Amino acid sequence: GVLGTNFVAMAKPDGYTIAVSSAGALAISPHME
């Protein structure tokens, strides 16, 4: 889930690119890698 979540983090902040991401990508992976 990291790659897709990062794609949204890097997108233009205009509301037209959003995500439904997960606990893993948002809360766990940043501690693991």
ModelCIF file with pLDDT and N, C-alpha, C, O atoms, coordinates in Angstrom:
data_MODEL
#
_entry.id   MODEL 
#
_entity.id                         1 
_entity.type                       polymer 
_entity.pdbx_number_of_molecules   1 
#
_entity_poly.entity_id                      1 
_entity_poly.type                           'polypeptide(L)' 
_entity_poly.nstd_linkage                   no 
_entity_poly.nstd_monomer                   no 
_entity_poly.pdbx_seq_one_letter_code       GVLGTNFVAMAKPDGYTIAVSSAGALAISPHME 
_entity_poly.pdbx_seq_one_letter_code_can   GVLGTNFVAMAKPDGYTIAVSSAGALAISPHME 
_entity_poly.pdbx_strand_id                 A 
#
loop_
_entity_poly_seq.entity_id 
_entity_poly_seq.num 
_entity_poly_seq.mon_id 
_entity_poly_seq.hetero 
1 1  GLY n 
1 2  VAL n 
1 3  LEU n 
1 4  GLY n 
1 5  THR n 
1 6  ASN n 
1 7  PHE n 
1 8  VAL n 
1 9  ALA n 
1 10 MET n 
1 11 ALA n 
1 12 LYS n 
1 13 PRO n 
1 14 ASP n 
1 15 GLY n 
1 16 TYR n 
1 17 THR n 
1 18 ILE n 
1 19 ALA n 
1 20 VAL n 
1 21 SER n 
1 22 SER n 
1 23 ALA n 
1 24 GLY n 
1 25 ALA n 
1 26 LEU n 
1 27 ALA n 
1 28 ILE n 
1 29 SER n 
1 30 PRO n 
1 31 HIS n 
1 32 MET n 
1 33 GLU n 
#
_struct_asym.id          A 
_struct_asym.entity_id   1 
#
loop_
_ma_qa_metric.id 
_ma_qa_metric.mode 
_ma_qa_metric.name 
_ma_qa_metric.software_group_id 
_ma_qa_metric.type 
1 global pLDDT . pLDDT 
2 local  pLDDT . pLDDT 
#
_ma_qa_metric_global.metric_id      1 
_ma_qa_metric_global.metric_value   95.91 
_ma_qa_metric_global.model_id       1 
_ma_qa_metric_global.ordinal_id     1 
#
loop_
_ma_qa_metric_local.label_asym_id 
_ma_qa_metric_local.label_comp_id 
_ma_qa_metric_local.label_seq_id 
_ma_qa_metric_local.metric_id 
_ma_qa_metric_local.metric_value 
_ma_qa_metric_local.model_id 
_ma_qa_metric_local.ordinal_id 
A GLY 1  2 92.00 1 1  
A VAL 2  2 95.00 1 2  
A LEU 3  2 96.00 1 3  
A GLY 4  2 97.00 1 4  
A THR 5  2 98.00 1 5  
A ASN 6  2 97.00 1 6  
A PHE 7  2 98.00 1 7  
A VAL 8  2 98.00 1 8  
A ALA 9  2 98.00 1 9  
A MET 10 2 98.00 1 10 
A ALA 11 2 98.00 1 11 
A LYS 12 2 98.00 1 12 
A PRO 13 2 98.00 1 13 
A ASP 14 2 97.00 1 14 
A GLY 15 2 98.00 1 15 
A TYR 16 2 98.00 1 16 
A THR 17 2 98.00 1 17 
A ILE 18 2 98.00 1 18 
A ALA 19 2 98.00 1 19 
A VAL 20 2 98.00 1 20 
A SER 21 2 97.00 1 21 
A SER 22 2 95.00 1 22 
A ALA 23 2 96.00 1 23 
A GLY 24 2 94.00 1 24 
A ALA 25 2 95.00 1 25 
A LEU 26 2 97.00 1 26 
A ALA 27 2 96.00 1 27 
A ILE 28 2 95.00 1 28 
A SER 29 2 93.00 1 29 
A PRO 30 2 92.00 1 30 
A HIS 31 2 91.00 1 31 
A MET 32 2 89.00 1 32 
A GLU 33 2 89.00 1 33 
#
loop_
_atom_site.group_PDB 
_atom_site.id 
_atom_site.type_symbol 
_atom_site.label_atom_id 
_atom_site.label_alt_id 
_atom_site.label_comp_id 
_atom_site.label_asym_id 
_atom_site.label_entity_id 
_atom_site.label_seq_id 
_atom_site.pdbx_PDB_ins_code 
_atom_site.Cartn_x 
_atom_site.Cartn_y 
_atom_site.Cartn_z 
_atom_site.occupancy 
_atom_site.B_iso_or_equiv 
_atom_site.pdbx_formal_charge 
_atom_site.auth_seq_id 
_atom_site.auth_comp_id 
_atom_site.auth_asym_id 
_atom_site.auth_atom_id 
_atom_site.pdbx_PDB_model_num 
ATOM 1   N N  . GLY A 1 1  ? 0.788   -1.228 0.000  1.00 92.00 ? 1  GLY A N  1 
ATOM 2   C CA . GLY A 1 1  ? 0.000   0.000  0.000  1.00 92.00 ? 1  GLY A CA 1 
ATOM 3   C C  . GLY A 1 1  ? 0.819   1.276  0.000  1.00 92.00 ? 1  GLY A C  1 
ATOM 4   O O  . GLY A 1 1  ? 0.265   2.367  -0.139 1.00 92.00 ? 1  GLY A O  1 
ATOM 5   N N  . VAL A 1 2  ? 2.122   1.157  0.154  1.00 95.00 ? 2  VAL A N  1 
ATOM 6   C CA . VAL A 1 2  ? 2.984   2.332  0.256  1.00 95.00 ? 2  VAL A CA 1 
ATOM 7   C C  . VAL A 1 2  ? 3.058   3.108  -1.059 1.00 95.00 ? 2  VAL A C  1 
ATOM 8   O O  . VAL A 1 2  ? 2.998   4.338  -1.060 1.00 95.00 ? 2  VAL A O  1 
ATOM 9   N N  . LEU A 1 3  ? 3.187   2.389  -2.180 1.00 96.00 ? 3  LEU A N  1 
ATOM 10  C CA . LEU A 1 3  ? 3.390   3.077  -3.462 1.00 96.00 ? 3  LEU A CA 1 
ATOM 11  C C  . LEU A 1 3  ? 2.168   3.909  -3.855 1.00 96.00 ? 3  LEU A C  1 
ATOM 12  O O  . LEU A 1 3  ? 2.305   5.063  -4.262 1.00 96.00 ? 3  LEU A O  1 
ATOM 13  N N  . GLY A 1 4  ? 0.988   3.330  -3.733 1.00 97.00 ? 4  GLY A N  1 
ATOM 14  C CA . GLY A 1 4  ? -0.222  4.072  -4.073 1.00 97.00 ? 4  GLY A CA 1 
ATOM 15  C C  . GLY A 1 4  ? -0.464  5.234  -3.136 1.00 97.00 ? 4  GLY A C  1 
ATOM 16  O O  . GLY A 1 4  ? -0.915  6.297  -3.563 1.00 97.00 ? 4  GLY A O  1 
ATOM 17  N N  . THR A 1 5  ? -0.165  5.040  -1.850 1.00 98.00 ? 5  THR A N  1 
ATOM 18  C CA . THR A 1 5  ? -0.330  6.119  -0.871 1.00 98.00 ? 5  THR A CA 1 
ATOM 19  C C  . THR A 1 5  ? 0.638   7.261  -1.169 1.00 98.00 ? 5  THR A C  1 
ATOM 20  O O  . THR A 1 5  ? 0.275   8.432  -1.059 1.00 98.00 ? 5  THR A O  1 
ATOM 21  N N  . ASN A 1 6  ? 1.860   6.921  -1.545 1.00 97.00 ? 6  ASN A N  1 
ATOM 22  C CA . ASN A 1 6  ? 2.835   7.953  -1.890 1.00 97.00 ? 6  ASN A CA 1 
ATOM 23  C C  . ASN A 1 6  ? 2.413   8.722  -3.144 1.00 97.00 ? 6  ASN A C  1 
ATOM 24  O O  . ASN A 1 6  ? 2.655   9.923  -3.255 1.00 97.00 ? 6  ASN A O  1 
ATOM 25  N N  . PHE A 1 7  ? 1.784   8.019  -4.081 1.00 98.00 ? 7  PHE A N  1 
ATOM 26  C CA . PHE A 1 7  ? 1.296   8.676  -5.300 1.00 98.00 ? 7  PHE A CA 1 
ATOM 27  C C  . PHE A 1 7  ? 0.330   9.805  -4.938 1.00 98.00 ? 7  PHE A C  1 
ATOM 28  O O  . PHE A 1 7  ? 0.371   10.881 -5.535 1.00 98.00 ? 7  PHE A O  1 
ATOM 29  N N  . VAL A 1 8  ? -0.523  9.555  -3.974 1.00 98.00 ? 8  VAL A N  1 
ATOM 30  C CA . VAL A 1 8  ? -1.480  10.583 -3.543 1.00 98.00 ? 8  VAL A CA 1 
ATOM 31  C C  . VAL A 1 8  ? -0.772  11.690 -2.771 1.00 98.00 ? 8  VAL A C  1 
ATOM 32  O O  . VAL A 1 8  ? -1.101  12.865 -2.936 1.00 98.00 ? 8  VAL A O  1 
ATOM 33  N N  . ALA A 1 9  ? 0.190   11.333 -1.934 1.00 98.00 ? 9  ALA A N  1 
ATOM 34  C CA . ALA A 1 9  ? 0.935   12.349 -1.181 1.00 98.00 ? 9  ALA A CA 1 
ATOM 35  C C  . ALA A 1 9  ? 1.637   13.330 -2.114 1.00 98.00 ? 9  ALA A C  1 
ATOM 36  O O  . ALA A 1 9  ? 1.812   14.501 -1.777 1.00 98.00 ? 9  ALA A O  1 
ATOM 37  N N  . MET A 1 10 ? 2.040   12.843 -3.294 1.00 98.00 ? 10 MET A N  1 
ATOM 38  C CA . MET A 1 10 ? 2.764   13.679 -4.252 1.00 98.00 ? 10 MET A CA 1 
ATOM 39  C C  . MET A 1 10 ? 1.844   14.379 -5.249 1.00 98.00 ? 10 MET A C  1 
ATOM 40  O O  . MET A 1 10 ? 2.308   15.185 -6.055 1.00 98.00 ? 10 MET A O  1 
ATOM 41  N N  . ALA A 1 11 ? 0.552   14.082 -5.202 1.00 98.00 ? 11 ALA A N  1 
ATOM 42  C CA . ALA A 1 11 ? -0.388  14.623 -6.192 1.00 98.00 ? 11 ALA A CA 1 
ATOM 43  C C  . ALA A 1 11 ? -0.705  16.091 -5.913 1.00 98.00 ? 11 ALA A C  1 
ATOM 44  O O  . ALA A 1 11 ? -0.438  16.606 -4.827 1.00 98.00 ? 11 ALA A O  1 
ATOM 45  N N  . LYS A 1 12 ? -1.273  16.745 -6.908 1.00 98.00 ? 12 LYS A N  1 
ATOM 46  C CA . LYS A 1 12 ? -1.693  18.136 -6.762 1.00 98.00 ? 12 LYS A CA 1 
ATOM 47  C C  . LYS A 1 12 ? -2.792  18.218 -5.701 1.00 98.00 ? 12 LYS A C  1 
ATOM 48  O O  . LYS A 1 12 ? -3.747  17.443 -5.750 1.00 98.00 ? 12 LYS A O  1 
ATOM 49  N N  . PRO A 1 13 ? -2.674  19.143 -4.744 1.00 98.00 ? 13 PRO A N  1 
ATOM 50  C CA . PRO A 1 13 ? -3.652  19.214 -3.651 1.00 98.00 ? 13 PRO A CA 1 
ATOM 51  C C  . PRO A 1 13 ? -4.929  19.968 -4.039 1.00 98.00 ? 13 PRO A C  1 
ATOM 52  O O  . PRO A 1 13 ? -5.230  21.028 -3.490 1.00 98.00 ? 13 PRO A O  1 
ATOM 53  N N  . ASP A 1 14 ? -5.665  19.405 -4.989 1.00 97.00 ? 14 ASP A N  1 
ATOM 54  C CA . ASP A 1 14 ? -6.867  20.081 -5.476 1.00 97.00 ? 14 ASP A CA 1 
ATOM 55  C C  . ASP A 1 14 ? -8.137  19.269 -5.242 1.00 97.00 ? 14 ASP A C  1 
ATOM 56  O O  . ASP A 1 14 ? -9.218  19.659 -5.684 1.00 97.00 ? 14 ASP A O  1 
ATOM 57  N N  . GLY A 1 15 ? -8.005  18.127 -4.539 1.00 98.00 ? 15 GLY A N  1 
ATOM 58  C CA . GLY A 1 15 ? -9.166  17.310 -4.228 1.00 98.00 ? 15 GLY A CA 1 
ATOM 59  C C  . GLY A 1 15 ? -9.541  16.312 -5.299 1.00 98.00 ? 15 GLY A C  1 
ATOM 60  O O  . GLY A 1 15 ? -10.461 15.517 -5.109 1.00 98.00 ? 15 GLY A O  1 
ATOM 61  N N  . TYR A 1 16 ? -8.839  16.339 -6.431 1.00 98.00 ? 16 TYR A N  1 
ATOM 62  C CA . TYR A 1 16 ? -9.205  15.448 -7.533 1.00 98.00 ? 16 TYR A CA 1 
ATOM 63  C C  . TYR A 1 16 ? -8.412  14.137 -7.537 1.00 98.00 ? 16 TYR A C  1 
ATOM 64  O O  . TYR A 1 16 ? -8.679  13.248 -8.346 1.00 98.00 ? 16 TYR A O  1 
ATOM 65  N N  . THR A 1 17 ? -7.439  14.022 -6.632 1.00 98.00 ? 17 THR A N  1 
ATOM 66  C CA . THR A 1 17 ? -6.727  12.762 -6.446 1.00 98.00 ? 17 THR A CA 1 
ATOM 67  C C  . THR A 1 17 ? -6.701  12.461 -4.957 1.00 98.00 ? 17 THR A C  1 
ATOM 68  O O  . THR A 1 17 ? -6.019  13.142 -4.190 1.00 98.00 ? 17 THR A O  1 
ATOM 69  N N  . ILE A 1 18 ? -7.446  11.438 -4.551 1.00 98.00 ? 18 ILE A N  1 
ATOM 70  C CA . ILE A 1 18 ? -7.526  11.049 -3.151 1.00 98.00 ? 18 ILE A CA 1 
ATOM 71  C C  . ILE A 1 18 ? -7.321  9.540  -3.066 1.00 98.00 ? 18 ILE A C  1 
ATOM 72  O O  . ILE A 1 18 ? -7.180  8.870  -4.089 1.00 98.00 ? 18 ILE A O  1 
ATOM 73  N N  . ALA A 1 19 ? -7.307  9.014  -1.861 1.00 98.00 ? 19 ALA A N  1 
ATOM 74  C CA . ALA A 1 19 ? -7.105  7.565  -1.700 1.00 98.00 ? 19 ALA A CA 1 
ATOM 75  C C  . ALA A 1 19 ? -7.923  7.036  -0.546 1.00 98.00 ? 19 ALA A C  1 
ATOM 76  O O  . ALA A 1 19 ? -8.264  7.766  0.384  1.00 98.00 ? 19 ALA A O  1 
ATOM 77  N N  . VAL A 1 20 ? -8.232  5.758  -0.621 1.00 98.00 ? 20 VAL A N  1 
ATOM 78  C CA . VAL A 1 20 ? -8.660  5.009  0.554  1.00 98.00 ? 20 VAL A CA 1 
ATOM 79  C C  . VAL A 1 20 ? -7.494  4.078  0.876  1.00 98.00 ? 20 VAL A C  1 
ATOM 80  O O  . VAL A 1 20 ? -7.306  3.044  0.235  1.00 98.00 ? 20 VAL A O  1 
ATOM 81  N N  . SER A 1 21 ? -6.720  4.470  1.881  1.00 97.00 ? 21 SER A N  1 
ATOM 82  C CA . SER A 1 21 ? -5.525  3.710  2.242  1.00 97.00 ? 21 SER A CA 1 
ATOM 83  C C  . SER A 1 21 ? -5.771  2.935  3.533  1.00 97.00 ? 21 SER A C  1 
ATOM 84  O O  . SER A 1 21 ? -6.869  2.963  4.088  1.00 97.00 ? 21 SER A O  1 
ATOM 85  N N  . SER A 1 22 ? -4.735  2.244  4.001  1.00 95.00 ? 22 SER A N  1 
ATOM 86  C CA . SER A 1 22 ? -4.921  1.286  5.088  1.00 95.00 ? 22 SER A CA 1 
ATOM 87  C C  . SER A 1 22 ? -4.070  1.603  6.308  1.00 95.00 ? 22 SER A C  1 
ATOM 88  O O  . SER A 1 22 ? -3.183  2.456  6.271  1.00 95.00 ? 22 SER A O  1 
ATOM 89  N N  . ALA A 1 23 ? -4.367  0.889  7.395  1.00 96.00 ? 23 ALA A N  1 
ATOM 90  C CA . ALA A 1 23 ? -3.569  1.014  8.614  1.00 96.00 ? 23 ALA A CA 1 
ATOM 91  C C  . ALA A 1 23 ? -2.100  0.697  8.331  1.00 96.00 ? 23 ALA A C  1 
ATOM 92  O O  . ALA A 1 23 ? -1.201  1.346  8.866  1.00 96.00 ? 23 ALA A O  1 
ATOM 93  N N  . GLY A 1 24 ? -1.869  -0.307 7.486  1.00 94.00 ? 24 GLY A N  1 
ATOM 94  C CA . GLY A 1 24 ? -0.492  -0.686 7.184  1.00 94.00 ? 24 GLY A CA 1 
ATOM 95  C C  . GLY A 1 24 ? 0.297   0.442  6.568  1.00 94.00 ? 24 GLY A C  1 
ATOM 96  O O  . GLY A 1 24 ? 1.390   0.767  7.031  1.00 94.00 ? 24 GLY A O  1 
ATOM 97  N N  . ALA A 1 25 ? -0.253  1.048  5.514  1.00 95.00 ? 25 ALA A N  1 
ATOM 98  C CA . ALA A 1 25 ? 0.470   2.093  4.789  1.00 95.00 ? 25 ALA A CA 1 
ATOM 99  C C  . ALA A 1 25 ? 0.542   3.391  5.576  1.00 95.00 ? 25 ALA A C  1 
ATOM 100 O O  . ALA A 1 25 ? 1.520   4.130  5.464  1.00 95.00 ? 25 ALA A O  1 
ATOM 101 N N  . LEU A 1 26 ? -0.489  3.679  6.376  1.00 97.00 ? 26 LEU A N  1 
ATOM 102 C CA . LEU A 1 26 ? -0.543  4.971  7.061  1.00 97.00 ? 26 LEU A CA 1 
ATOM 103 C C  . LEU A 1 26 ? 0.068   4.955  8.457  1.00 97.00 ? 26 LEU A C  1 
ATOM 104 O O  . LEU A 1 26 ? 0.610   5.967  8.902  1.00 97.00 ? 26 LEU A O  1 
ATOM 105 N N  . ALA A 1 27 ? -0.008  3.828  9.151  1.00 96.00 ? 27 ALA A N  1 
ATOM 106 C CA . ALA A 1 27 ? 0.435   3.808  10.546 1.00 96.00 ? 27 ALA A CA 1 
ATOM 107 C C  . ALA A 1 27 ? 1.568   2.843  10.862 1.00 96.00 ? 27 ALA A C  1 
ATOM 108 O O  . ALA A 1 27 ? 2.294   3.038  11.837 1.00 96.00 ? 27 ALA A O  1 
ATOM 109 N N  . ILE A 1 28 ? 1.730   1.796  10.040 1.00 95.00 ? 28 ILE A N  1 
ATOM 110 C CA . ILE A 1 28 ? 2.724   0.760  10.377 1.00 95.00 ? 28 ILE A CA 1 
ATOM 111 C C  . ILE A 1 28 ? 3.975   0.835  9.508  1.00 95.00 ? 28 ILE A C  1 
ATOM 112 O O  . ILE A 1 28 ? 5.089   0.848  10.031 1.00 95.00 ? 28 ILE A O  1 
ATOM 113 N N  . SER A 1 29 ? 3.805   0.885  8.195  1.00 93.00 ? 29 SER A N  1 
ATOM 114 C CA . SER A 1 29 ? 4.963   0.863  7.281  1.00 93.00 ? 29 SER A CA 1 
ATOM 115 C C  . SER A 1 29 ? 5.998   1.953  7.575  1.00 93.00 ? 29 SER A C  1 
ATOM 116 O O  . SER A 1 29 ? 7.195   1.691  7.462  1.00 93.00 ? 29 SER A O  1 
ATOM 117 N N  . PRO A 1 30 ? 5.575   3.175  7.950  1.00 92.00 ? 30 PRO A N  1 
ATOM 118 C CA . PRO A 1 30 ? 6.587   4.194  8.250  1.00 92.00 ? 30 PRO A CA 1 
ATOM 119 C C  . PRO A 1 30 ? 7.526   3.813  9.396  1.00 92.00 ? 30 PRO A C  1 
ATOM 120 O O  . PRO A 1 30 ? 8.621   4.365  9.501  1.00 92.00 ? 30 PRO A O  1 
ATOM 121 N N  . HIS A 1 31 ? 7.113   2.873  10.259 1.00 91.00 ? 31 HIS A N  1 
ATOM 122 C CA . HIS A 1 31 ? 7.996   2.391  11.328 1.00 91.00 ? 31 HIS A CA 1 
ATOM 123 C C  . HIS A 1 31 ? 8.878   1.241  10.871 1.00 91.00 ? 31 HIS A C  1 
ATOM 124 O O  . HIS A 1 31 ? 9.909   0.961  11.482 1.00 91.00 ? 31 HIS A O  1 
ATOM 125 N N  . MET A 1 32 ? 8.470   0.569  9.785  1.00 89.00 ? 32 MET A N  1 
ATOM 126 C CA . MET A 1 32 ? 9.125   -0.660 9.376  1.00 89.00 ? 32 MET A CA 1 
ATOM 127 C C  . MET A 1 32 ? 10.118  -0.482 8.236  1.00 89.00 ? 32 MET A C  1 
ATOM 128 O O  . MET A 1 32 ? 11.052  -1.270 8.088  1.00 89.00 ? 32 MET A O  1 
ATOM 129 N N  . GLU A 1 33 ? 9.911   0.557  7.431  1.00 89.00 ? 33 GLU A N  1 
ATOM 130 C CA . GLU A 1 33 ? 10.756  0.743  6.250  1.00 89.00 ? 33 GLU A CA 1 
ATOM 131 C C  . GLU A 1 33 ? 10.821  2.221  5.893  1.00 89.00 ? 33 GLU A C  1 
ATOM 132 O O  . GLU A 1 33 ? 11.484  2.594  4.925  1.00 89.00 ? 33 GLU A O  1 
#
